[in-house]
Amino acid sequence: ILSKADVIDPTRLSGAVKFGATVTLADEDNGDEKTYQIVGETEADIENGLLNMRSPLARALIGKDAGDSVEVKTPGGTRSYEILSIRYI
């Protein structure tokens, strides 16, 4: 894995959601806000806000902009989220 890895400096990125983005979402059903950073599989730790880039939520977010809504199929049913902000820190 390490031999194929590329170092990405998220502070040099901008625009739509992509790997390295820190995204704040609002649940469209209850208004709860959550913030996640999209990271690689080995870094993922959902309890600490590090979202696996291959997860259904991350895949739904990739390419979207602030203000967009996304729907994600979860084991508990389909959830809708609004992207409140995208930061690269």
C-alpha atoms as a PDB file:
ATOM      1  CA  ILE A   1       0.000   0.000   0.000  1.00  0.00           C
ATOM      2  CA  LEU A   2       2.742   2.457   0.943  1.00  0.00           C
ATOM      3  CA  SER A   3       4.656   1.943  -2.294  1.00  0.00           C
ATOM      4  CA  LYS A   4       1.582   3.037  -4.260  1.00  0.00           C
ATOM      5  CA  ALA A   5       0.625   5.932  -1.972  1.00  0.00           C
ATOM      6  CA  ASP A   6       0.681   9.577  -3.042  1.00  0.00           C
ATOM      7  CA  VAL A   7       0.913  12.357  -0.485  1.00  0.00           C
ATOM      8  CA  ILE A   8      -1.890  14.869  -0.956  1.00  0.00           C
ATOM      9  CA  ASP A   9      -1.759  18.295   0.667  1.00  0.00           C
ATOM     10  CA  PRO A  10      -5.441  19.156   1.229  1.00  0.00           C
ATOM     11  CA  THR A  11      -4.587  22.831   1.828  1.00  0.00           C
ATOM     12  CA  ARG A  12      -3.742  23.109  -1.884  1.00  0.00           C
ATOM     13  CA  LEU A  13      -7.183  21.835  -2.958  1.00  0.00           C
ATOM     14  CA  SER A  14     -10.470  23.692  -3.398  1.00  0.00           C
ATOM     15  CA  GLY A  15     -13.879  23.363  -4.990  1.00  0.00           C
ATOM     16  CA  ALA A  16     -16.208  20.385  -4.983  1.00  0.00           C
ATOM     17  CA  VAL A  17     -15.850  17.504  -2.530  1.00  0.00           C
ATOM     18  CA  LYS A  18     -12.868  15.242  -3.201  1.00  0.00           C
ATOM     19  CA  PHE A  19     -10.422  13.138  -1.222  1.00  0.00           C
ATOM     20  CA  GLY A  20      -9.085  15.151   1.724  1.00  0.00           C
ATOM     21  CA  ALA A  21     -12.112  17.445   2.009  1.00  0.00           C
ATOM     22  CA  THR A  22     -13.622  18.267   5.381  1.00  0.00           C
ATOM     23  CA  VAL A  23     -17.368  18.394   4.837  1.00  0.00           C
ATOM     24  CA  THR A  24     -20.078  19.655   7.184  1.00  0.00           C
ATOM     25  CA  LEU A  25     -23.475  18.080   6.571  1.00  0.00           C
ATOM     26  CA  ALA A  26     -26.989  18.659   7.873  1.00  0.00           C
ATOM     27  CA  ASP A  27     -29.375  15.733   8.120  1.00  0.00           C
ATOM     28  CA  GLU A  28     -32.402  16.932   6.151  1.00  0.00           C
ATOM     29  CA  ASP A  29     -34.796  14.983   8.396  1.00  0.00           C
ATOM     30  CA  ASN A  30     -33.732  16.226  11.821  1.00  0.00           C
ATOM     31  CA  GLY A  31     -31.237  19.050  11.171  1.00  0.00           C
ATOM     32  CA  ASP A  32     -28.356  17.330  13.002  1.00  0.00           C
ATOM     33  CA  GLU A  33     -24.987  18.587  11.780  1.00  0.00           C
ATOM     34  CA  LYS A  34     -21.896  16.418  11.431  1.00  0.00           C
ATOM     35  CA  THR A  35     -18.438  17.078  10.068  1.00  0.00           C
ATOM     36  CA  TYR A  36     -16.294  14.459   8.329  1.00  0.00           C
ATOM     37  CA  GLN A  37     -12.950  14.438   6.564  1.00  0.00           C
ATOM     38  CA  ILE A  38     -12.750  12.071   3.596  1.00  0.00           C
ATOM     39  CA  VAL A  39      -9.694   9.850   4.058  1.00  0.00           C
ATOM     40  CA  GLY A  40      -8.229   6.575   2.859  1.00  0.00           C
ATOM     41  CA  GLU A  41      -9.327   3.189   4.110  1.00  0.00           C
ATOM     42  CA  THR A  42      -6.434   2.778   6.533  1.00  0.00           C
ATOM     43  CA  GLU A  43      -7.025   6.197   8.146  1.00  0.00           C
ATOM     44  CA  ALA A  44     -10.789   5.857   8.526  1.00  0.00           C
ATOM     45  CA  ASP A  45     -12.211   6.288  12.023  1.00  0.00           C
ATOM     46  CA  ILE A  46     -15.869   7.289  11.860  1.00  0.00           C
ATOM     47  CA  GLU A  47     -16.060   8.031  15.595  1.00  0.00           C
ATOM     48  CA  ASN A  48     -13.382  10.701  15.093  1.00  0.00           C
ATOM     49  CA  GLY A  49     -14.938  12.125  11.927  1.00  0.00           C
ATOM     50  CA  LEU A  50     -12.604  10.358   9.475  1.00  0.00           C
ATOM     51  CA  LEU A  51     -14.785   8.940   6.707  1.00  0.00           C
ATOM     52  CA  ASN A  52     -13.558   6.093   4.481  1.00  0.00           C
ATOM     53  CA  MET A  53     -13.495   7.339   0.876  1.00  0.00           C
ATOM     54  CA  ARG A  54     -15.107   4.061  -0.229  1.00  0.00           C
ATOM     55  CA  SER A  55     -18.064   4.367   2.137  1.00  0.00           C
ATOM     56  CA  PRO A  56     -21.515   4.989   0.645  1.00  0.00           C
ATOM     57  CA  LEU A  57     -21.653   8.471   2.208  1.00  0.00           C
ATOM     58  CA  ALA A  58     -18.245   9.533   0.879  1.00  0.00           C
ATOM     59  CA  ARG A  59     -19.054   8.188  -2.593  1.00  0.00           C
ATOM     60  CA  ALA A  60     -22.308  10.194  -2.575  1.00  0.00           C
ATOM     61  CA  LEU A  61     -20.427  13.362  -1.572  1.00  0.00           C
ATOM     62  CA  ILE A  62     -17.577  13.182  -4.101  1.00  0.00           C
ATOM     63  CA  GLY A  63     -18.030  15.803  -6.821  1.00  0.00           C
ATOM     64  CA  LYS A  64     -20.799  17.701  -5.028  1.00  0.00           C
ATOM     65  CA  ASP A  65     -20.688  21.374  -3.957  1.00  0.00           C
ATOM     66  CA  ALA A  66     -21.841  23.294  -0.901  1.00  0.00           C
ATOM     67  CA  GLY A  67     -25.625  23.646  -0.987  1.00  0.00           C
ATOM     68  CA  ASP A  68     -26.129  20.347  -2.807  1.00  0.00           C
ATOM     69  CA  SER A  69     -28.256  17.573  -1.332  1.00  0.00           C
ATOM     70  CA  VAL A  70     -27.264  13.916  -1.424  1.00  0.00           C
ATOM     71  CA  GLU A  71     -29.178  10.732  -0.687  1.00  0.00           C
ATOM     72  CA  VAL A  72     -27.424   7.766   0.859  1.00  0.00           C
ATOM     73  CA  LYS A  73     -28.805   4.260   1.226  1.00  0.00           C
ATOM     74  CA  THR A  74     -28.051   2.940   4.709  1.00  0.00           C
ATOM     75  CA  PRO A  75     -29.074  -0.254   6.499  1.00  0.00           C
ATOM     76  CA  GLY A  76     -31.700   1.853   8.300  1.00  0.00           C
ATOM     77  CA  GLY A  77     -33.108   3.303   5.069  1.00  0.00           C
ATOM     78  CA  THR A  78     -32.324   6.197   2.755  1.00  0.00           C
ATOM     79  CA  ARG A  79     -30.945   9.350   4.411  1.00  0.00           C
ATOM     80  CA  SER A  80     -30.772  12.821   2.879  1.00  0.00           C
ATOM     81  CA  TYR A  81     -28.066  15.350   3.705  1.00  0.00           C
ATOM     82  CA  GLU A  82     -27.357  18.922   2.673  1.00  0.00           C
ATOM     83  CA  ILE A  83     -23.720  19.938   2.250  1.00  0.00           C
ATOM     84  CA  LEU A  84     -23.264  23.034   4.403  1.00  0.00           C
ATOM     85  CA  SER A  85     -19.549  23.621   3.814  1.00  0.00           C
ATOM     86  CA  ILE A  86     -16.454  22.155   2.223  1.00  0.00           C
ATOM     87  CA  ARG A  87     -13.021  22.968   3.593  1.00  0.00           C
ATOM     88  CA  TYR A  88      -9.538  21.782   2.793  1.00  0.00           C
ATOM     89  CA  ILE A  89      -7.408  22.023   5.917  1.00  0.00           C
END
